[in-house]
Amino acid sequence: KEHRKMLEALLLDAPYRIRSVIGTEPTDPRSYGADRLAAEARDILGDDHPVEVISRARPQEALTLAIQKAKEEGAVICVAGSLYLAGEIRPITRAFQAGES
């Protein structure tokens, strides 16, 4: 559970442009909270970084917002986290893809 190391690997010296970071959390009671994750991302990025950092407790809200932003900006979405989070995000993603077909 090395949240900070994961965030540093994704956010620092990235070979891609990051426009937004959306922190969320799975429903597992032991999960690392969305607000804590967003605060850690802000700390890593620093005050002078132009990346928007957002917190959404519910994965469906977070993914819906990410999809909206990606469409507006022609961006790619990267989901990172636990298998619990992946398990919650996957059916949401599939439902979205089915609706887009």
Protein backbone atom coordinates (compact mmCIF):
# COMPACT_ATOMS: atom_id res chain seq x y z
CA LYS A 1 0.00 0.00 0.00
CA GLU A 2 2.55 2.52 -1.16
CA HIS A 3 0.20 5.24 -2.36
CA ARG A 4 2.79 7.96 -2.46
CA LYS A 5 5.25 5.91 -4.53
CA MET A 6 2.52 5.04 -7.01
CA LEU A 7 1.47 8.68 -7.32
CA GLU A 8 5.07 9.83 -7.74
CA ALA A 9 5.62 7.26 -10.50
CA LEU A 10 2.50 8.44 -12.33
CA LEU A 11 2.82 12.19 -11.75
CA LEU A 12 6.50 13.16 -11.64
CA ASP A 13 8.55 13.53 -14.82
CA ALA A 14 5.81 11.84 -16.81
CA PRO A 15 6.38 11.44 -20.57
CA TYR A 16 2.79 12.58 -21.05
CA ARG A 17 0.78 15.68 -20.16
CA ILE A 18 -1.46 15.38 -17.12
CA ARG A 19 -4.50 17.65 -17.10
CA SER A 20 -6.45 16.24 -14.15
CA VAL A 21 -6.10 13.79 -11.29
CA ILE A 22 -9.33 12.42 -9.85
CA GLY A 23 -8.96 10.60 -6.55
CA THR A 24 -11.58 8.01 -5.62
CA GLU A 25 -11.93 5.02 -3.33
CA PRO A 26 -13.48 1.55 -3.48
CA THR A 27 -16.22 0.67 -1.02
CA ASP A 28 -13.78 -1.47 1.00
CA PRO A 29 -13.76 0.02 4.53
CA ARG A 30 -9.96 -0.31 4.66
CA SER A 31 -9.51 1.78 1.51
CA TYR A 32 -7.35 4.87 1.35
CA GLY A 33 -9.82 7.77 1.21
CA ALA A 34 -10.35 9.84 -1.92
CA ASP A 35 -9.69 13.11 -0.07
CA ARG A 36 -6.42 11.78 1.37
CA LEU A 37 -5.34 10.55 -2.06
CA ALA A 38 -6.13 13.92 -3.68
CA ALA A 39 -4.26 15.75 -0.90
CA GLU A 40 -1.24 13.53 -1.43
CA ALA A 41 -1.35 14.18 -5.20
CA ARG A 42 -1.47 17.95 -4.52
CA ASP A 43 1.49 17.64 -2.18
CA ILE A 44 3.52 15.73 -4.79
CA LEU A 45 2.65 18.13 -7.61
CA GLY A 46 3.26 21.27 -5.59
CA ASP A 47 1.49 24.60 -5.69
CA ASP A 48 2.89 25.78 -9.02
CA HIS A 49 1.69 22.78 -11.07
CA PRO A 50 -1.28 23.43 -13.40
CA VAL A 51 -2.88 20.02 -12.84
CA GLU A 52 -6.45 20.02 -11.52
CA VAL A 53 -6.80 17.63 -8.57
CA ILE A 54 -10.33 16.48 -7.73
CA SER A 55 -11.76 14.11 -5.13
CA ARG A 56 -14.86 11.95 -5.70
CA ALA A 57 -15.63 9.29 -3.09
CA ARG A 58 -17.76 7.15 -5.39
CA PRO A 59 -15.89 5.40 -8.25
CA GLN A 60 -18.85 5.83 -10.60
CA GLU A 61 -18.82 9.61 -10.08
CA ALA A 62 -15.04 9.70 -10.54
CA LEU A 63 -15.13 7.70 -13.76
CA THR A 64 -18.08 9.64 -15.16
CA LEU A 65 -16.20 12.88 -14.52
CA ALA A 66 -13.01 11.43 -16.06
CA ILE A 67 -14.90 10.35 -19.18
CA GLN A 68 -16.52 13.79 -19.49
CA LYS A 69 -13.14 15.53 -19.18
CA ALA A 70 -11.45 13.12 -21.60
CA LYS A 71 -14.12 13.74 -24.22
CA GLU A 72 -13.85 17.51 -23.84
CA GLU A 73 -10.07 17.52 -24.05
CA GLY A 74 -9.40 14.54 -26.32
CA ALA A 75 -7.49 12.89 -23.50
CA VAL A 76 -6.79 9.37 -22.28
CA ILE A 77 -7.94 8.01 -18.91
CA CYS A 78 -5.59 6.04 -16.67
CA VAL A 79 -7.15 4.16 -13.76
CA ALA A 80 -4.72 3.02 -11.07
CA GLY A 81 -5.35 1.47 -7.70
CA SER A 82 -6.28 -1.73 -5.96
CA LEU A 83 -7.99 -4.79 -7.35
CA TYR A 84 -11.02 -3.72 -5.32
CA LEU A 85 -11.15 -0.46 -7.28
CA ALA A 86 -10.60 -2.28 -10.57
CA GLY A 87 -13.46 -4.60 -9.67
CA GLU A 88 -15.78 -1.62 -9.19
CA ILE A 89 -14.58 0.34 -12.23
CA ARG A 90 -14.69 -2.51 -14.76
CA PRO A 91 -18.49 -2.96 -14.92
CA ILE A 92 -18.97 0.82 -15.08
CA THR A 93 -16.55 0.99 -18.01
CA ARG A 94 -18.25 -1.89 -19.78
CA ALA A 95 -21.68 -0.32 -19.32
CA PHE A 96 -20.37 2.94 -20.73
CA GLN A 97 -18.85 1.16 -23.74
CA ALA A 98 -22.08 -0.74 -24.37
CA GLY A 99 -24.00 2.53 -24.33
CA GLU A 100 -21.54 4.07 -26.78
CA SER A 101 -21.83 1.24 -29.32
